[in-house]
N, C-alpha and C. Protein backbone atom coordinates (compact mmCIF):
# COMPACT_ATOMS: atom_id res chain seq x y z
N UNK A 1 8.95 15.52 -205.38
CA UNK A 1 8.70 15.25 -203.72
C UNK A 1 9.52 14.39 -203.25
N UNK A 2 10.48 13.27 -204.15
CA UNK A 2 11.63 12.58 -203.18
C UNK A 2 12.38 13.64 -202.86
N UNK A 3 12.93 14.16 -203.83
CA UNK A 3 14.03 15.10 -203.55
C UNK A 3 13.81 16.25 -202.60
N UNK A 4 12.74 16.83 -202.40
CA UNK A 4 12.47 17.68 -201.25
C UNK A 4 12.21 17.05 -200.00
N UNK A 5 11.97 15.49 -200.02
CA UNK A 5 11.85 14.85 -198.69
C UNK A 5 13.11 15.01 -198.21
N UNK A 6 13.83 14.25 -199.01
CA UNK A 6 15.30 14.20 -198.74
C UNK A 6 15.77 15.21 -198.46
N UNK A 7 16.10 16.57 -199.12
CA UNK A 7 16.06 17.64 -198.57
C UNK A 7 15.84 18.30 -197.14
N UNK A 8 14.88 17.67 -197.03
CA UNK A 8 13.99 18.38 -195.73
C UNK A 8 14.78 17.77 -194.49
N UNK A 9 15.15 16.46 -194.67
CA UNK A 9 15.88 15.27 -194.00
C UNK A 9 17.41 16.16 -193.47
N UNK A 10 17.94 16.14 -194.88
CA UNK A 10 19.41 16.25 -194.82
C UNK A 10 19.71 17.55 -195.84
N UNK A 11 19.80 18.62 -195.60
CA UNK A 11 19.73 19.60 -196.33
C UNK A 11 21.13 19.72 -197.63
N UNK A 12 22.21 19.16 -196.86
CA UNK A 12 23.67 18.78 -197.86
C UNK A 12 23.36 17.69 -198.20
N UNK A 13 21.97 16.81 -198.15
CA UNK A 13 22.63 15.60 -198.89
C UNK A 13 22.88 15.77 -200.60
N UNK A 14 23.80 14.55 -201.02
CA UNK A 14 24.11 14.70 -202.21
C UNK A 14 23.98 13.28 -202.89
N UNK A 15 22.95 12.97 -204.20
CA UNK A 15 21.99 11.93 -204.58
C UNK A 15 21.32 12.27 -205.69
N UNK A 16 21.15 11.00 -206.28
CA UNK A 16 20.32 11.16 -207.59
C UNK A 16 19.30 10.34 -207.58
N UNK A 17 18.36 10.58 -208.13
CA UNK A 17 17.24 9.40 -208.02
C UNK A 17 16.50 9.29 -209.60
N UNK A 18 16.91 7.86 -210.16
CA UNK A 18 16.43 7.13 -211.50
C UNK A 18 14.98 7.10 -211.69
N UNK A 19 14.10 7.90 -212.46
CA UNK A 19 12.96 7.70 -212.80
C UNK A 19 12.09 8.02 -211.75
N UNK A 20 12.30 8.70 -210.80
CA UNK A 20 11.55 9.02 -209.65
C UNK A 20 11.27 8.08 -209.05
N UNK A 21 11.84 7.08 -208.74
CA UNK A 21 11.89 5.90 -208.50
C UNK A 21 12.25 5.89 -206.83
N UNK A 22 11.57 6.00 -205.71
CA UNK A 22 12.51 6.00 -204.55
C UNK A 22 13.09 4.71 -204.12
N UNK A 23 13.19 3.79 -204.85
CA UNK A 23 13.66 2.43 -204.47
C UNK A 23 15.30 2.46 -205.67
N UNK A 24 15.48 3.79 -205.92
CA UNK A 24 16.35 4.02 -206.98
C UNK A 24 17.05 5.09 -206.75
N UNK A 25 17.14 5.10 -205.85
CA UNK A 25 18.26 6.61 -205.17
C UNK A 25 19.63 6.00 -204.72
N UNK A 26 20.37 6.88 -205.89
CA UNK A 26 22.18 6.85 -205.55
C UNK A 26 22.56 7.51 -204.49
N UNK A 27 23.41 7.61 -203.94
CA UNK A 27 23.89 8.70 -202.87
C UNK A 27 25.35 8.72 -203.25
N UNK A 28 25.60 10.35 -203.38
CA UNK A 28 27.16 10.52 -203.72
C UNK A 28 27.82 11.22 -202.57
N UNK A 29 29.06 11.30 -202.86
CA UNK A 29 29.86 12.03 -201.96
C UNK A 29 30.14 11.56 -200.58
N UNK A 30 29.70 10.43 -200.36
CA UNK A 30 29.55 10.03 -198.93
C UNK A 30 28.69 10.51 -197.73
N UNK A 31 27.32 10.74 -198.92
CA UNK A 31 26.17 11.27 -198.15
C UNK A 31 25.79 9.51 -197.19
N UNK A 32 25.12 9.65 -196.12
CA UNK A 32 24.89 8.69 -195.43
C UNK A 32 23.07 8.56 -195.94
N UNK A 33 22.94 7.15 -196.33
CA UNK A 33 21.88 7.06 -196.59
C UNK A 33 20.66 7.35 -196.36
N UNK A 34 19.48 7.29 -196.56
CA UNK A 34 18.40 7.75 -195.60
C UNK A 34 17.30 6.36 -195.97
N UNK A 35 16.70 6.07 -195.09
CA UNK A 35 16.02 4.81 -195.31
C UNK A 35 14.76 5.19 -196.03
N UNK A 36 14.21 4.28 -196.75
CA UNK A 36 13.04 4.56 -197.65
C UNK A 36 11.83 4.91 -196.80
N UNK A 37 11.88 4.47 -195.67
CA UNK A 37 10.80 4.37 -194.59
C UNK A 37 10.64 6.40 -194.54
N UNK A 38 11.89 6.40 -193.77
CA UNK A 38 11.61 7.76 -193.39
C UNK A 38 11.67 9.18 -194.79
N UNK A 39 12.29 8.69 -195.64
CA UNK A 39 11.68 9.16 -196.91
C UNK A 39 10.11 9.33 -197.21
N UNK A 40 9.84 8.33 -197.28
CA UNK A 40 8.28 7.96 -197.34
C UNK A 40 7.79 9.20 -196.31
N UNK A 41 8.25 8.78 -195.20
CA UNK A 41 7.29 9.92 -194.27
C UNK A 41 7.40 11.04 -194.52
N UNK A 42 8.65 11.73 -194.43
CA UNK A 42 8.90 12.70 -194.82
C UNK A 42 8.07 13.66 -196.08
N UNK A 43 8.12 12.21 -196.69
CA UNK A 43 7.09 12.87 -198.21
C UNK A 43 5.35 13.35 -197.60
N UNK A 44 5.22 12.82 -196.94
CA UNK A 44 3.83 12.73 -196.52
C UNK A 44 3.86 14.31 -195.83
N UNK A 45 4.86 14.35 -194.63
CA UNK A 45 5.01 15.99 -194.24
C UNK A 45 4.67 17.00 -195.37
N UNK A 46 5.79 17.08 -195.99
CA UNK A 46 5.82 18.08 -197.44
C UNK A 46 4.65 18.19 -197.95
N UNK A 47 3.39 16.85 -198.32
CA UNK A 47 2.67 17.02 -199.07
C UNK A 47 1.75 17.65 -198.34
N UNK A 48 1.76 17.13 -196.86
CA UNK A 48 0.77 18.23 -196.00
C UNK A 48 0.94 19.33 -196.07
N UNK A 49 2.14 19.89 -195.78
CA UNK A 49 2.62 21.48 -195.82
C UNK A 49 2.44 22.01 -197.17
N UNK A 50 2.26 21.50 -197.69
CA UNK A 50 2.14 22.07 -199.72
C UNK A 50 0.68 22.10 -199.46
N UNK A 51 -0.31 21.20 -199.18
CA UNK A 51 -1.58 21.52 -199.36
C UNK A 51 -2.00 22.26 -198.40
N UNK A 52 -1.28 22.39 -197.33
CA UNK A 52 -2.08 23.26 -196.20
C UNK A 52 -1.48 25.08 -196.51
N UNK A 53 -0.89 25.33 -197.54
CA UNK A 53 -0.46 26.53 -197.93
C UNK A 53 -1.02 26.78 -199.27
N UNK A 54 -2.09 26.11 -199.49
CA UNK A 54 -2.63 26.36 -200.84
C UNK A 54 -3.45 27.98 -200.96
N UNK A 55 -4.02 28.50 -199.82
CA UNK A 55 -4.61 29.73 -199.75
C UNK A 55 -3.12 30.49 -200.38
N UNK A 56 -2.12 30.23 -199.96
CA UNK A 56 -0.93 31.33 -200.30
C UNK A 56 -0.29 31.54 -201.92
N UNK A 57 -0.87 30.41 -202.40
CA UNK A 57 -0.69 30.27 -203.64
C UNK A 57 -1.96 30.97 -204.30
N UNK A 58 -3.03 30.93 -203.98
CA UNK A 58 -3.88 31.37 -204.59
C UNK A 58 -3.92 32.77 -204.43
N UNK A 59 -3.95 33.38 -203.17
CA UNK A 59 -3.54 34.87 -202.77
C UNK A 59 -2.62 35.08 -203.81
N UNK A 60 -1.48 34.76 -203.72
CA UNK A 60 -0.51 35.26 -204.48
C UNK A 60 -0.76 35.44 -206.17
N UNK A 61 -1.53 34.73 -206.79
CA UNK A 61 -2.33 34.96 -208.26
C UNK A 61 -3.68 36.11 -207.57
N UNK A 62 -4.64 36.00 -207.43
CA UNK A 62 -5.49 37.00 -206.85
C UNK A 62 -5.25 38.97 -206.53
N UNK A 63 -4.06 38.61 -205.95
CA UNK A 63 -3.44 40.23 -205.59
C UNK A 63 -3.21 40.84 -206.72
N UNK A 64 -4.12 42.38 -206.64
CA UNK A 64 -3.16 43.47 -207.83
C UNK A 64 -1.70 43.41 -207.58
N UNK A 65 -1.30 43.71 -208.81
CA UNK A 65 0.28 43.85 -209.38
C UNK A 65 0.23 44.46 -208.22
N UNK A 66 1.80 45.05 -207.80
CA UNK A 66 2.45 45.75 -206.97
C UNK A 66 2.21 47.06 -207.52
N UNK A 67 2.35 47.25 -208.74
CA UNK A 67 2.37 48.38 -209.32
C UNK A 67 0.85 48.87 -209.37
N UNK A 68 0.17 48.18 -209.25
CA UNK A 68 -1.69 48.36 -209.37
C UNK A 68 -1.71 49.05 -207.67
N UNK A 69 -1.02 48.31 -207.16
CA UNK A 69 -1.65 48.37 -205.64
C UNK A 69 -0.93 50.01 -205.06
N UNK A 70 0.45 49.88 -205.82
CA UNK A 70 0.68 51.27 -205.52
C UNK A 70 -0.24 52.54 -206.07
N UNK A 71 -0.41 52.45 -207.19
CA UNK A 71 -1.46 53.81 -207.81
C UNK A 71 -3.03 53.24 -207.18
N UNK A 72 -3.23 52.54 -206.38
CA UNK A 72 -4.55 52.26 -205.32
C UNK A 72 -4.22 53.45 -204.25
N UNK A 73 -3.06 52.81 -203.56
CA UNK A 73 -2.56 53.65 -202.16
C UNK A 73 -2.47 54.97 -202.20
N UNK A 74 -1.84 55.40 -203.42
CA UNK A 74 -1.71 57.16 -203.81
C UNK A 74 -2.78 57.54 -204.14
N UNK A 75 -3.80 57.10 -205.11
CA UNK A 75 -5.25 57.90 -205.03
C UNK A 75 -6.26 57.64 -203.70
N UNK A 76 -5.77 56.54 -203.14
CA UNK A 76 -6.60 56.23 -201.66
C UNK A 76 -6.26 57.67 -200.86
N UNK A 77 -4.50 58.22 -200.67
CA UNK A 77 -4.01 59.11 -200.12
C UNK A 77 -4.62 60.52 -200.60
N UNK A 78 -4.77 60.47 -202.00
CA UNK A 78 -5.16 62.01 -202.67
C UNK A 78 -6.82 61.91 -202.05
N UNK A 79 -7.70 60.95 -202.46
CA UNK A 79 -9.22 61.27 -202.08
C UNK A 79 -9.91 60.44 -200.83
N UNK A 80 -8.61 60.25 -200.02
CA UNK A 80 -9.28 59.97 -198.84
C UNK A 80 -10.40 58.65 -198.73
N UNK A 81 -9.96 57.58 -199.77
CA UNK A 81 -11.04 56.61 -199.95
C UNK A 81 -9.85 55.11 -198.97
N UNK A 82 -10.48 54.20 -199.79
CA UNK A 82 -10.05 52.61 -199.10
C UNK A 82 -10.03 51.73 -200.42
N UNK A 83 -9.47 52.30 -201.15
CA UNK A 83 -9.56 50.89 -202.29
C UNK A 83 -8.62 50.04 -201.95
N UNK A 84 -7.66 50.56 -201.91
CA UNK A 84 -6.63 49.53 -201.95
C UNK A 84 -6.91 48.32 -200.37
N UNK A 85 -6.94 48.96 -199.38
CA UNK A 85 -7.80 47.59 -197.92
C UNK A 85 -8.57 47.37 -198.55
N UNK A 86 -9.47 47.89 -199.56
CA UNK A 86 -10.85 46.99 -199.66
C UNK A 86 -10.53 45.92 -200.48
N UNK A 87 -9.32 46.20 -201.63
CA UNK A 87 -9.04 45.47 -202.35
C UNK A 87 -8.17 43.85 -201.95
N UNK A 88 -7.48 44.47 -200.70
CA UNK A 88 -6.64 43.33 -200.14
C UNK A 88 -7.57 42.56 -199.45
N UNK A 89 -8.46 43.11 -198.77
CA UNK A 89 -9.44 42.53 -197.89
C UNK A 89 -10.37 41.76 -198.53
N UNK A 90 -10.74 41.83 -199.50
CA UNK A 90 -11.47 41.03 -200.40
C UNK A 90 -10.69 39.80 -200.98
N UNK A 91 -9.06 39.70 -201.25
CA UNK A 91 -8.55 38.61 -201.66
C UNK A 91 -8.31 37.74 -200.37
N UNK A 92 -8.21 38.23 -199.02
CA UNK A 92 -7.73 37.76 -198.23
C UNK A 92 -9.18 36.73 -197.80
N UNK A 93 -10.38 37.61 -197.81
CA UNK A 93 -11.79 36.83 -197.45
C UNK A 93 -12.23 35.84 -198.72
N UNK A 94 -11.71 36.07 -199.84
CA UNK A 94 -11.80 35.06 -200.97
C UNK A 94 -10.76 33.54 -200.67
N UNK A 95 -10.24 34.00 -199.80
CA UNK A 95 -8.98 32.63 -200.20
C UNK A 95 -8.46 32.75 -198.25
N UNK A 96 -9.49 32.06 -197.44
CA UNK A 96 -9.17 31.91 -196.41
C UNK A 96 -8.17 31.11 -195.39
N UNK A 97 -7.18 31.32 -194.68
CA UNK A 97 -6.15 30.68 -194.16
C UNK A 97 -6.60 29.21 -193.98
């Protein structure tokens, strides 16, 4: 999480973190150090963003595979059914934004 926060603040930052300890960051190759308080604030934002997108991770595991979806679409086209639309709608309904 520390690393993600630092890179959100400065995507080109070069650094290492010892033992995942926010007080043990070594800055490399002239990277301007970022204050611990700024990193902590960004960590809160990164965690909130991660939490807010839980539905995306849930949907990703719930959707049928691409191969299954293509097969559903083919047979829906042949049979005039809505199997694929129904399957996708169910995943979305079960995992709302």
